[in-house]
Structures are given as C-alpha cells and as structure tokens.
Amino acid sequence: DIVRATRGEVPLAAVVDTGRFDLAAASTSAGWIRELMGEHESETERFGITSHVFSRTAPFDAGRLWAIVTGDAPPLRSVLRSKGYAWVRQAPGLVLEWQAAGV
C-alpha cells in the first residue's frame, strides 16, 4: 500500500503496529546476515562520498563569492550538497544562508 504524506505527516495507524514487519523473515535475509557478519559497505565507500568542513574567521569578498557561485567555478563542480552560513566584508551585519544540492 502507498501511504500518502502531506508535509511529512502520515496517519500513525498507517505505519505503526501494522503487523507487516516479520522479524523472523527479516533476520534470515541476505542483507541482514551480511550486516551481522561485518560485511557492510557504507554508501560513502561504495559511491566515493566525502565530506569537508570549511571554516574561516574572515568574511568573504562579495564580488569574488558571487563569481564563484554564479560561474563555472572549478571549486564547486564536484560538490553535490553544501550548506551553511557566511558573511561578506561589504555587509558585516548581514548573515547569508547557503543551501545547494545537485551538480
């Protein structure tokens, strides 16, 4: 069955205590057994996903930051997901929120 969600909300009775999960069957599945045997390969290993935290105490230059964000900048070509806060030298009282997904 498909349970429709609106803004992440679903009827609790549609997903809790439905009787559809069979622990005995699940515990004999190939994936479950591989996990128990320590043969798990994480998604980060399988797909070559890495993470990096960028931190600095100085504000960005607005023009240079805009050129990177709007241009075909090599530093951002391979970034799949990024988020955070920044500020620029030209507006020190303004906090910029950054969220991006996709390449």
PDB file of N, CA and C in Angstrom:
ATOM      1  N   ASP A   1       0.821  -1.183   0.000  1.00  0.00           N
ATOM      2  CA  ASP A   1       0.000   0.000   0.000  1.00  0.00           C
ATOM      3  C   ASP A   1       0.872   1.256   0.000  1.00  0.00           C
ATOM      4  N   ILE A   2       0.377   2.266  -0.636  1.00  0.00           N
ATOM      5  CA  ILE A   2       1.052   3.559  -0.635  1.00  0.00           C
ATOM      6  C   ILE A   2       0.368   4.437   0.394  1.00  0.00           C
ATOM      7  N   VAL A   3       1.160   4.973   1.306  1.00  0.00           N
ATOM      8  CA  VAL A   3       0.640   5.888   2.314  1.00  0.00           C
ATOM      9  C   VAL A   3       1.026   7.296   1.886  1.00  0.00           C
ATOM     10  N   ARG A   4       0.062   8.123   1.648  1.00  0.00           N
ATOM     11  CA  ARG A   4       0.322   9.481   1.202  1.00  0.00           C
ATOM     12  C   ARG A   4       0.667  10.362   2.403  1.00  0.00           C
ATOM     13  N   ALA A   5       1.675  11.191   2.194  1.00  0.00           N
ATOM     14  CA  ALA A   5       2.104  12.116   3.242  1.00  0.00           C
ATOM     15  C   ALA A   5       1.909  13.540   2.750  1.00  0.00           C
ATOM     16  N   THR A   6       1.498  14.390   3.654  1.00  0.00           N
ATOM     17  CA  THR A   6       1.381  15.811   3.368  1.00  0.00           C
ATOM     18  C   THR A   6       2.295  16.540   4.330  1.00  0.00           C
ATOM     19  N   ARG A   7       3.332  17.184   3.763  1.00  0.00           N
ATOM     20  CA  ARG A   7       4.320  17.885   4.578  1.00  0.00           C
ATOM     21  C   ARG A   7       4.922  16.976   5.645  1.00  0.00           C
ATOM     22  N   GLY A   8       5.161  15.725   5.267  1.00  0.00           N
ATOM     23  CA  GLY A   8       5.811  14.782   6.171  1.00  0.00           C
ATOM     24  C   GLY A   8       4.884  14.156   7.193  1.00  0.00           C
ATOM     25  N   GLU A   9       3.612  14.480   7.155  1.00  0.00           N
ATOM     26  CA  GLU A   9       2.666  13.936   8.121  1.00  0.00           C
ATOM     27  C   GLU A   9       1.925  12.755   7.513  1.00  0.00           C
ATOM     28  N   VAL A  10       1.891  11.650   8.256  1.00  0.00           N
ATOM     29  CA  VAL A  10       1.141  10.463   7.849  1.00  0.00           C
ATOM     30  C   VAL A  10       0.291  10.013   9.032  1.00  0.00           C
ATOM     31  N   PRO A  11      -0.827   9.359   8.764  1.00  0.00           N
ATOM     32  CA  PRO A  11      -1.617   8.826   9.871  1.00  0.00           C
ATOM     33  C   PRO A  11      -0.787   7.774  10.612  1.00  0.00           C
ATOM     34  N   LEU A  12      -0.642   7.905  11.921  1.00  0.00           N
ATOM     35  CA  LEU A  12       0.186   6.999  12.699  1.00  0.00           C
ATOM     36  C   LEU A  12      -0.242   5.549  12.530  1.00  0.00           C
ATOM     37  N   ALA A  13      -1.522   5.298  12.497  1.00  0.00           N
ATOM     38  CA  ALA A  13      -2.024   3.927  12.375  1.00  0.00           C
ATOM     39  C   ALA A  13      -1.625   3.277  11.050  1.00  0.00           C
ATOM     40  N   ALA A  14      -1.289   4.089  10.052  1.00  0.00           N
ATOM     41  CA  ALA A  14      -0.898   3.556   8.748  1.00  0.00           C
ATOM     42  C   ALA A  14       0.532   3.022   8.745  1.00  0.00           C
ATOM     43  N   VAL A  15       1.351   3.406   9.759  1.00  0.00           N
ATOM     44  CA  VAL A  15       2.755   2.988   9.745  1.00  0.00           C
ATOM     45  C   VAL A  15       3.221   2.314  11.035  1.00  0.00           C
ATOM     46  N   VAL A  16       2.457   2.416  12.112  1.00  0.00           N
ATOM     47  CA  VAL A  16       2.864   1.838  13.393  1.00  0.00           C
ATOM     48  C   VAL A  16       1.968   0.651  13.738  1.00  0.00           C
ATOM     49  N   ASP A  17       2.601  -0.438  14.164  1.00  0.00           N
ATOM     50  CA  ASP A  17       1.875  -1.642  14.608  1.00  0.00           C
ATOM     51  C   ASP A  17       0.910  -2.162  13.549  1.00  0.00           C
ATOM     52  N   THR A  18       1.414  -2.244  12.306  1.00  0.00           N
ATOM     53  CA  THR A  18       0.571  -2.714  11.201  1.00  0.00           C
ATOM     54  C   THR A  18       0.608  -4.232  11.041  1.00  0.00           C
ATOM     55  N   GLY A  19       1.585  -4.888  11.710  1.00  0.00           N
ATOM     56  CA  GLY A  19       1.720  -6.331  11.579  1.00  0.00           C
ATOM     57  C   GLY A  19       2.434  -6.751  10.305  1.00  0.00           C
ATOM     58  N   ARG A  20       2.966  -5.796   9.560  1.00  0.00           N
ATOM     59  CA  ARG A  20       3.621  -6.124   8.284  1.00  0.00           C
ATOM     60  C   ARG A  20       5.084  -6.496   8.429  1.00  0.00           C
ATOM     61  N   PHE A  21       5.702  -6.149   9.542  1.00  0.00           N
ATOM     62  CA  PHE A  21       7.116  -6.491   9.728  1.00  0.00           C
ATOM     63  C   PHE A  21       7.226  -7.860  10.377  1.00  0.00           C
ATOM     64  N   ASP A  22       7.995  -8.739   9.757  1.00  0.00           N
ATOM     65  CA  ASP A  22       8.202 -10.088  10.270  1.00  0.00           C
ATOM     66  C   ASP A  22       9.671 -10.217  10.657  1.00  0.00           C
ATOM     67  N   LEU A  23       9.965 -10.142  11.951  1.00  0.00           N
ATOM     68  CA  LEU A  23      11.337 -10.191  12.427  1.00  0.00           C
ATOM     69  C   LEU A  23      12.025 -11.487  12.028  1.00  0.00           C
ATOM     70  N   ALA A  24      11.322 -12.602  12.109  1.00  0.00           N
ATOM     71  CA  ALA A  24      11.926 -13.889  11.759  1.00  0.00           C
ATOM     72  C   ALA A  24      12.341 -13.909  10.286  1.00  0.00           C
ATOM     73  N   ALA A  25      11.495 -13.426   9.426  1.00  0.00           N
ATOM     74  CA  ALA A  25      11.815 -13.401   7.993  1.00  0.00           C
ATOM     75  C   ALA A  25      12.937 -12.409   7.713  1.00  0.00           C
ATOM     76  N   ALA A  26      12.875 -11.242   8.329  1.00  0.00           N
ATOM     77  CA  ALA A  26      13.902 -10.229   8.096  1.00  0.00           C
ATOM     78  C   ALA A  26      15.264 -10.693   8.565  1.00  0.00           C
ATOM     79  N   SER A  27      15.322 -11.392   9.699  1.00  0.00           N
ATOM     80  CA  SER A  27      16.613 -11.796  10.263  1.00  0.00           C
ATOM     81  C   SER A  27      17.286 -12.913   9.473  1.00  0.00           C
ATOM     82  N   THR A  28      16.587 -13.510   8.535  1.00  0.00           N
ATOM     83  CA  THR A  28      17.211 -14.534   7.695  1.00  0.00           C
ATOM     84  C   THR A  28      17.504 -14.013   6.283  1.00  0.00           C
ATOM     85  N   SER A  29      17.265 -12.724   6.059  1.00  0.00           N
ATOM     86  CA  SER A  29      17.519 -12.173   4.728  1.00  0.00           C
ATOM     87  C   SER A  29      19.017 -12.024   4.495  1.00  0.00           C
ATOM     88  N   ALA A  30      19.410 -12.035   3.242  1.00  0.00           N
ATOM     89  CA  ALA A  30      20.825 -11.953   2.881  1.00  0.00           C
ATOM     90  C   ALA A  30      21.473 -10.667   3.391  1.00  0.00           C
ATOM     91  N   GLY A  31      20.763  -9.541   3.263  1.00  0.00           N
ATOM     92  CA  GLY A  31      21.321  -8.270   3.712  1.00  0.00           C
ATOM     93  C   GLY A  31      21.530  -8.230   5.215  1.00  0.00           C
ATOM     94  N   TRP A  32      20.586  -8.768   5.966  1.00  0.00           N
ATOM     95  CA  TRP A  32      20.685  -8.811   7.416  1.00  0.00           C
ATOM     96  C   TRP A  32      21.882  -9.660   7.829  1.00  0.00           C
ATOM     97  N   ILE A  33      22.039 -10.804   7.194  1.00  0.00           N
ATOM     98  CA  ILE A  33      23.145 -11.707   7.531  1.00  0.00           C
ATOM     99  C   ILE A  33      24.486 -11.067   7.185  1.00  0.00           C
ATOM    100  N   ARG A  34      24.579 -10.380   6.052  1.00  0.00           N
ATOM    101  CA  ARG A  34      25.827  -9.688   5.702  1.00  0.00           C
ATOM    102  C   ARG A  34      26.195  -8.642   6.753  1.00  0.00           C
ATOM    103  N   GLU A  35      25.204  -7.927   7.250  1.00  0.00           N
ATOM    104  CA  GLU A  35      25.457  -6.937   8.301  1.00  0.00           C
ATOM    105  C   GLU A  35      25.994  -7.611   9.554  1.00  0.00           C
ATOM    106  N   LEU A  36      25.385  -8.715   9.954  1.00  0.00           N
ATOM    107  CA  LEU A  36      25.814  -9.428  11.159  1.00  0.00           C
ATOM    108  C   LEU A  36      27.216 -10.004  11.006  1.00  0.00           C
ATOM    109  N   MET A  37      27.593 -10.343   9.789  1.00  0.00           N
ATOM    110  CA  MET A  37      28.918 -10.914   9.535  1.00  0.00           C
ATOM    111  C   MET A  37      29.978  -9.813   9.346  1.00  0.00           C
ATOM    112  N   GLY A  38      29.565  -8.568   9.453  1.00  0.00           N
ATOM    113  CA  GLY A  38      30.515  -7.458   9.314  1.00  0.00           C
ATOM    114  C   GLY A  38      30.890  -7.163   7.885  1.00  0.00           C
ATOM    115  N   GLU A  39      30.067  -7.519   6.932  1.00  0.00           N
ATOM    116  CA  GLU A  39      30.375  -7.315   5.516  1.00  0.00           C
ATOM    117  C   GLU A  39      29.714  -6.052   4.955  1.00  0.00           C
ATOM    118  N   HIS A  40      29.374  -5.140   5.825  1.00  0.00           N
ATOM    119  CA  HIS A  40      28.697  -3.914   5.394  1.00  0.00           C
ATOM    120  C   HIS A  40      29.649  -3.007   4.622  1.00  0.00           C
ATOM    121  N   GLU A  41      29.173  -2.496   3.514  1.00  0.00           N
ATOM    122  CA  GLU A  41      29.908  -1.484   2.768  1.00  0.00           C
ATOM    123  C   GLU A  41      29.068  -0.215   2.810  1.00  0.00           C
ATOM    124  N   SER A  42      29.593   0.806   3.447  1.00  0.00           N
ATOM    125  CA  SER A  42      28.820   2.039   3.594  1.00  0.00           C
ATOM    126  C   SER A  42      28.647   2.736   2.250  1.00  0.00           C
ATOM    127  N   GLU A  43      27.631   3.579   2.199  1.00  0.00           N
ATOM    128  CA  GLU A  43      27.380   4.340   0.978  1.00  0.00           C
ATOM    129  C   GLU A  43      28.547   5.273   0.680  1.00  0.00           C
ATOM    130  N   THR A  44      29.186   5.789   1.722  1.00  0.00           N
ATOM    131  CA  THR A  44      30.321   6.677   1.478  1.00  0.00           C
ATOM    132  C   THR A  44      31.454   5.935   0.794  1.00  0.00           C
ATOM    133  N   GLU A  45      31.665   4.675   1.160  1.00  0.00           N
ATOM    134  CA  GLU A  45      32.701   3.881   0.493  1.00  0.00           C
ATOM    135  C   GLU A  45      32.254   3.463  -0.900  1.00  0.00           C
ATOM    136  N   ARG A  46      31.026   2.994  -1.009  1.00  0.00           N
ATOM    137  CA  ARG A  46      30.524   2.473  -2.281  1.00  0.00           C
ATOM    138  C   ARG A  46      30.496   3.540  -3.368  1.00  0.00           C
ATOM    139  N   PHE A  47      30.091   4.742  -3.013  1.00  0.00           N
ATOM    140  CA  PHE A  47      29.923   5.788  -4.017  1.00  0.00           C
ATOM    141  C   PHE A  47      31.003   6.859  -3.969  1.00  0.00           C
ATOM    142  N   GLY A  48      31.988   6.692  -3.116  1.00  0.00           N
ATOM    143  CA  GLY A  48      33.088   7.644  -3.043  1.00  0.00           C
ATOM    144  C   GLY A  48      32.682   9.000  -2.484  1.00  0.00           C
ATOM    145  N   ILE A  49      31.749   8.998  -1.543  1.00  0.00           N
ATOM    146  CA  ILE A  49      31.264  10.245  -0.961  1.00  0.00           C
ATOM    147  C   ILE A  49      32.232  10.700   0.132  1.00  0.00           C
ATOM    148  N   THR A  50      32.589  11.945   0.089  1.00  0.00           N
ATOM    149  CA  THR A  50      33.447  12.507   1.130  1.00  0.00           C
ATOM    150  C   THR A  50      32.787  13.766   1.682  1.00  0.00           C
ATOM    151  N   SER A  51      33.279  14.223   2.789  1.00  0.00           N
ATOM    152  CA  SER A  51      32.747  15.459   3.348  1.00  0.00           C
ATOM    153  C   SER A  51      33.896  16.363   3.747  1.00  0.00           C
ATOM    154  N   HIS A  52      33.580  17.629   3.826  1.00  0.00           N
ATOM    155  CA  HIS A  52      34.588  18.621   4.165  1.00  0.00           C
ATOM    156  C   HIS A  52      33.906  19.753   4.925  1.00  0.00           C
ATOM    157  N   VAL A  53      34.534  20.221   5.964  1.00  0.00           N
ATOM    158  CA  VAL A  53      34.032  21.375   6.700  1.00  0.00           C
ATOM    159  C   VAL A  53      34.945  22.549   6.389  1.00  0.00           C
ATOM    160  N   PHE A  54      34.360  23.600   5.849  1.00  0.00           N
ATOM    161  CA  PHE A  54      35.115  24.813   5.530  1.00  0.00           C
ATOM    162  C   PHE A  54      34.792  25.841   6.603  1.00  0.00           C
ATOM    163  N   SER A  55      35.815  26.367   7.213  1.00  0.00           N
ATOM    164  CA  SER A  55      35.624  27.345   8.272  1.00  0.00           C
ATOM    165  C   SER A  55      36.666  28.445   8.122  1.00  0.00           C
ATOM    166  N   ARG A  56      36.237  29.684   8.356  1.00  0.00           N
ATOM    167  CA  ARG A  56      37.179  30.795   8.302  1.00  0.00           C
ATOM    168  C   ARG A  56      36.690  31.905   9.213  1.00  0.00           C
ATOM    169  N   THR A  57      37.606  32.699   9.683  1.00  0.00           N
ATOM    170  CA  THR A  57      37.248  33.789  10.583  1.00  0.00           C
ATOM    171  C   THR A  57      37.085  35.110   9.857  1.00  0.00           C
ATOM    172  N   ALA A  58      37.546  35.181   8.638  1.00  0.00           N
ATOM    173  CA  ALA A  58      37.434  36.417   7.857  1.00  0.00           C
ATOM    174  C   ALA A  58      36.220  36.329   6.927  1.00  0.00           C
ATOM    175  N   PRO A  59      35.541  37.449   6.684  1.00  0.00           N
ATOM    176  CA  PRO A  59      34.395  37.429   5.762  1.00  0.00           C
ATOM    177  C   PRO A  59      34.858  37.276   4.317  1.00  0.00           C
ATOM    178  N   PHE A  60      33.937  36.825   3.477  1.00  0.00           N
ATOM    179  CA  PHE A  60      34.204  36.717   2.041  1.00  0.00           C
ATOM    180  C   PHE A  60      34.138  38.097   1.409  1.00  0.00           C
ATOM    181  N   ASP A  61      34.768  38.237   0.257  1.00  0.00           N
ATOM    182  CA  ASP A  61      34.579  39.399  -0.588  1.00  0.00           C
ATOM    183  C   ASP A  61      33.344  39.116  -1.435  1.00  0.00           C
ATOM    184  N   ALA A  62      32.368  40.020  -1.417  1.00  0.00           N
ATOM    185  CA  ALA A  62      31.090  39.783  -2.092  1.00  0.00           C
ATOM    186  C   ALA A  62      31.268  39.500  -3.585  1.00  0.00           C
ATOM    187  N   GLY A  63      32.106  40.262  -4.258  1.00  0.00           N
ATOM    188  CA  GLY A  63      32.303  40.073  -5.695  1.00  0.00           C
ATOM    189  C   GLY A  63      32.933  38.736  -6.031  1.00  0.00           C
ATOM    190  N   ARG A  64      33.934  38.368  -5.283  1.00  0.00           N
ATOM    191  CA  ARG A  64      34.603  37.078  -5.536  1.00  0.00           C
ATOM    192  C   ARG A  64      33.681  35.908  -5.210  1.00  0.00           C
ATOM    193  N   LEU A  65      32.912  36.009  -4.115  1.00  0.00           N
ATOM    194  CA  LEU A  65      31.974  34.937  -3.762  1.00  0.00           C
ATOM    195  C   LEU A  65      30.901  34.804  -4.834  1.00  0.00           C
ATOM    196  N   TRP A  66      30.371  35.921  -5.311  1.00  0.00           N
ATOM    197  CA  TRP A  66      29.348  35.888  -6.359  1.00  0.00           C
ATOM    198  C   TRP A  66      29.894  35.260  -7.640  1.00  0.00           C
ATOM    199  N   ALA A  67      31.128  35.544  -7.985  1.00  0.00           N
ATOM    200  CA  ALA A  67      31.739  34.972  -9.191  1.00  0.00           C
ATOM    201  C   ALA A  67      31.845  33.454  -9.079  1.00  0.00           C
ATOM    202  N   ILE A  68      32.161  32.972  -7.899  1.00  0.00           N
ATOM    203  CA  ILE A  68      32.263  31.517  -7.704  1.00  0.00           C
ATOM    204  C   ILE A  68      30.883  30.873  -7.772  1.00  0.00           C
ATOM    205  N   VAL A  69      29.912  31.482  -7.106  1.00  0.00           N
ATOM    206  CA  VAL A  69      28.567  30.903  -7.037  1.00  0.00           C
ATOM    207  C   VAL A  69      27.872  30.901  -8.391  1.00  0.00           C
ATOM    208  N   THR A  70      28.039  31.948  -9.172  1.00  0.00           N
ATOM    209  CA  THR A  70      27.306  32.069 -10.436  1.00  0.00           C
ATOM    210  C   THR A  70      28.081  31.591 -11.647  1.00  0.00           C
ATOM    211  N   GLY A  71      29.357  31.363 -11.507  1.00  0.00           N
ATOM    212  CA  GLY A  71      30.167  30.948 -12.653  1.00  0.00           C
ATOM    213  C   GLY A  71      30.402  29.455 -12.685  1.00  0.00           C
ATOM    214  N   ASP A  72      31.153  29.028 -13.651  1.00  0.00           N
ATOM    215  CA  ASP A  72      31.525  27.625 -13.777  1.00  0.00           C
ATOM    216  C   ASP A  72      32.816  27.415 -12.994  1.00  0.00           C
ATOM    217  N   ALA A  73      32.703  27.548 -11.705  1.00  0.00           N
ATOM    218  CA  ALA A  73      33.883  27.549 -10.838  1.00  0.00           C
ATOM    219  C   ALA A  73      34.375  26.137 -10.547  1.00  0.00           C
ATOM    220  N   PRO A  74      35.627  25.867 -10.835  1.00  0.00           N
ATOM    221  CA  PRO A  74      36.176  24.542 -10.524  1.00  0.00           C
ATOM    222  C   PRO A  74      35.984  24.109  -9.072  1.00  0.00           C
ATOM    223  N   PRO A  75      36.047  25.021  -8.076  1.00  0.00           N
ATOM    224  CA  PRO A  75      35.871  24.557  -6.701  1.00  0.00           C
ATOM    225  C   PRO A  75      34.504  23.956  -6.413  1.00  0.00           C
ATOM    226  N   LEU A  76      33.486  24.317  -7.196  1.00  0.00           N
ATOM    227  CA  LEU A  76      32.136  23.831  -6.911  1.00  0.00           C
ATOM    228  C   LEU A  76      31.648  22.757  -7.876  1.00  0.00           C
ATOM    229  N   ARG A  77      32.403  22.416  -8.894  1.00  0.00           N
ATOM    230  CA  ARG A  77      31.935  21.462  -9.905  1.00  0.00           C
ATOM    231  C   ARG A  77      31.580  20.093  -9.339  1.00  0.00           C
ATOM    232  N   SER A  78      32.351  19.608  -8.380  1.00  0.00           N
ATOM    233  CA  SER A  78      32.113  18.258  -7.879  1.00  0.00           C
ATOM    234  C   SER A  78      31.362  18.234  -6.550  1.00  0.00           C
ATOM    235  N   VAL A  79      30.863  19.387  -6.109  1.00  0.00           N
ATOM    236  CA  VAL A  79      30.124  19.445  -4.852  1.00  0.00           C
ATOM    237  C   VAL A  79      28.674  19.058  -5.105  1.00  0.00           C
ATOM    238  N   LEU A  80      28.224  18.029  -4.407  1.00  0.00           N
ATOM    239  CA  LEU A  80      26.858  17.546  -4.591  1.00  0.00           C
ATOM    240  C   LEU A  80      25.891  18.236  -3.638  1.00  0.00           C
ATOM    241  N   ARG A  81      26.304  18.456  -2.402  1.00  0.00           N
ATOM    242  CA  ARG A  81      25.433  19.071  -1.401  1.00  0.00           C
ATOM    243  C   ARG A  81      26.275  19.992  -0.537  1.00  0.00           C
ATOM    244  N   SER A  82      25.806  21.194  -0.324  1.00  0.00           N
ATOM    245  CA  SER A  82      26.515  22.124   0.542  1.00  0.00           C
ATOM    246  C   SER A  82      25.504  22.981   1.280  1.00  0.00           C
ATOM    247  N   LYS A  83      25.886  23.398   2.481  1.00  0.00           N
ATOM    248  CA  LYS A  83      25.006  24.258   3.267  1.00  0.00           C
ATOM    249  C   LYS A  83      25.828  24.967   4.325  1.00  0.00           C
ATOM    250  N   GLY A  84      25.305  26.064   4.811  1.00  0.00           N
ATOM    251  CA  GLY A  84      25.995  26.773   5.870  1.00  0.00           C
ATOM    252  C   GLY A  84      25.659  28.247   5.899  1.00  0.00           C
ATOM    253  N   TYR A  85      26.449  28.968   6.653  1.00  0.00           N
ATOM    254  CA  TYR A  85      26.270  30.404   6.812  1.00  0.00           C
ATOM    255  C   TYR A  85      27.562  31.110   6.440  1.00  0.00           C
ATOM    256  N   ALA A  86      27.438  32.314   5.964  1.00  0.00           N
ATOM    257  CA  ALA A  86      28.614  33.103   5.600  1.00  0.00           C
ATOM    258  C   ALA A  86      28.288  34.570   5.783  1.00  0.00           C
ATOM    259  N   TRP A  87      29.314  35.374   5.715  1.00  0.00           N
ATOM    260  CA  TRP A  87      29.113  36.810   5.695  1.00  0.00           C
ATOM    261  C   TRP A  87      30.141  37.413   4.770  1.00  0.00           C
ATOM    262  N   VAL A  88      29.803  38.618   4.275  1.00  0.00           N
ATOM    263  CA  VAL A  88      30.687  39.285   3.330  1.00  0.00           C
ATOM    264  C   VAL A  88      31.210  40.580   3.948  1.00  0.00           C
ATOM    265  N   ARG A  89      32.405  40.932   3.543  1.00  0.00           N
ATOM    266  CA  ARG A  89      33.094  42.110   4.073  1.00  0.00           C
ATOM    267  C   ARG A  89      32.271  43.380   3.872  1.00  0.00           C
ATOM    268  N   GLN A  90      31.573  43.485   2.742  1.00  0.00           N
ATOM    269  CA  GLN A  90      30.843  44.698   2.404  1.00  0.00           C
ATOM    270  C   GLN A  90      29.566  44.874   3.241  1.00  0.00           C
ATOM    271  N   ALA A  91      29.098  43.829   3.925  1.00  0.00           N
ATOM    272  CA  ALA A  91      27.887  43.914   4.763  1.00  0.00           C
ATOM    273  C   ALA A  91      28.102  43.075   6.019  1.00  0.00           C
ATOM    274  N   PRO A  92      28.933  43.525   6.936  1.00  0.00           N
ATOM    275  CA  PRO A  92      29.302  42.715   8.094  1.00  0.00           C
ATOM    276  C   PRO A  92      28.145  42.369   9.031  1.00  0.00           C
ATOM    277  N   GLY A  93      27.054  43.111   8.978  1.00  0.00           N
ATOM    278  CA  GLY A  93      25.912  42.812   9.839  1.00  0.00           C
ATOM    279  C   GLY A  93      24.918  41.849   9.223  1.00  0.00           C
ATOM    280  N   LEU A  94      25.171  41.390   8.014  1.00  0.00           N
ATOM    281  CA  LEU A  94      24.251  40.515   7.286  1.00  0.00           C
ATOM    282  C   LEU A  94      24.767  39.084   7.304  1.00  0.00           C
ATOM    283  N   VAL A  95      23.919  38.143   7.729  1.00  0.00           N
ATOM    284  CA  VAL A  95      24.287  36.726   7.719  1.00  0.00           C
ATOM    285  C   VAL A  95      23.652  36.090   6.479  1.00  0.00           C
ATOM    286  N   LEU A  96      24.458  35.444   5.679  1.00  0.00           N
ATOM    287  CA  LEU A  96      23.978  34.781   4.467  1.00  0.00           C
ATOM    288  C   LEU A  96      23.798  33.303   4.752  1.00  0.00           C
ATOM    289  N   GLU A  97      22.661  32.761   4.357  1.00  0.00           N
ATOM    290  CA  GLU A  97      22.414  31.326   4.492  1.00  0.00           C
ATOM    291  C   GLU A  97      22.594  30.691   3.130  1.00  0.00           C
ATOM    292  N   TRP A  98      23.332  29.576   3.095  1.00  0.00           N
ATOM    293  CA  TRP A  98      23.637  28.901   1.838  1.00  0.00           C
ATOM    294  C   TRP A  98      23.118  27.473   1.891  1.00  0.00           C
ATOM    295  N   GLN A  99      22.373  27.070   0.867  1.00  0.00           N
ATOM    296  CA  GLN A  99      21.957  25.685   0.703  1.00  0.00           C
ATOM    297  C   GLN A  99      21.956  25.383  -0.785  1.00  0.00           C
ATOM    298  N   ALA A 100      22.619  24.299  -1.163  1.00  0.00           N
ATOM    299  CA  ALA A 100      22.654  23.917  -2.574  1.00  0.00           C
ATOM    300  C   ALA A 100      22.703  22.400  -2.680  1.00  0.00           C
ATOM    301  N   ALA A 101      22.030  21.871  -3.683  1.00  0.00           N
ATOM    302  CA  ALA A 101      22.049  20.429  -3.941  1.00  0.00           C
ATOM    303  C   ALA A 101      22.104  20.228  -5.449  1.00  0.00           C
ATOM    304  N   GLY A 102      22.856  19.210  -5.844  1.00  0.00           N
ATOM    305  CA  GLY A 102      22.986  18.898  -7.261  1.00  0.00           C
ATOM    306  C   GLY A 102      24.279  19.444  -7.828  1.00  0.00           C
ATOM    307  N   VAL A 103      24.620  18.965  -9.005  1.00  0.00           N
ATOM    308  CA  VAL A 103      25.838  19.433  -9.655  1.00  0.00           C
ATOM    309  C   VAL A 103      25.504  20.126 -10.952  1.00  0.00           C
TER     310      VAL A 103
END
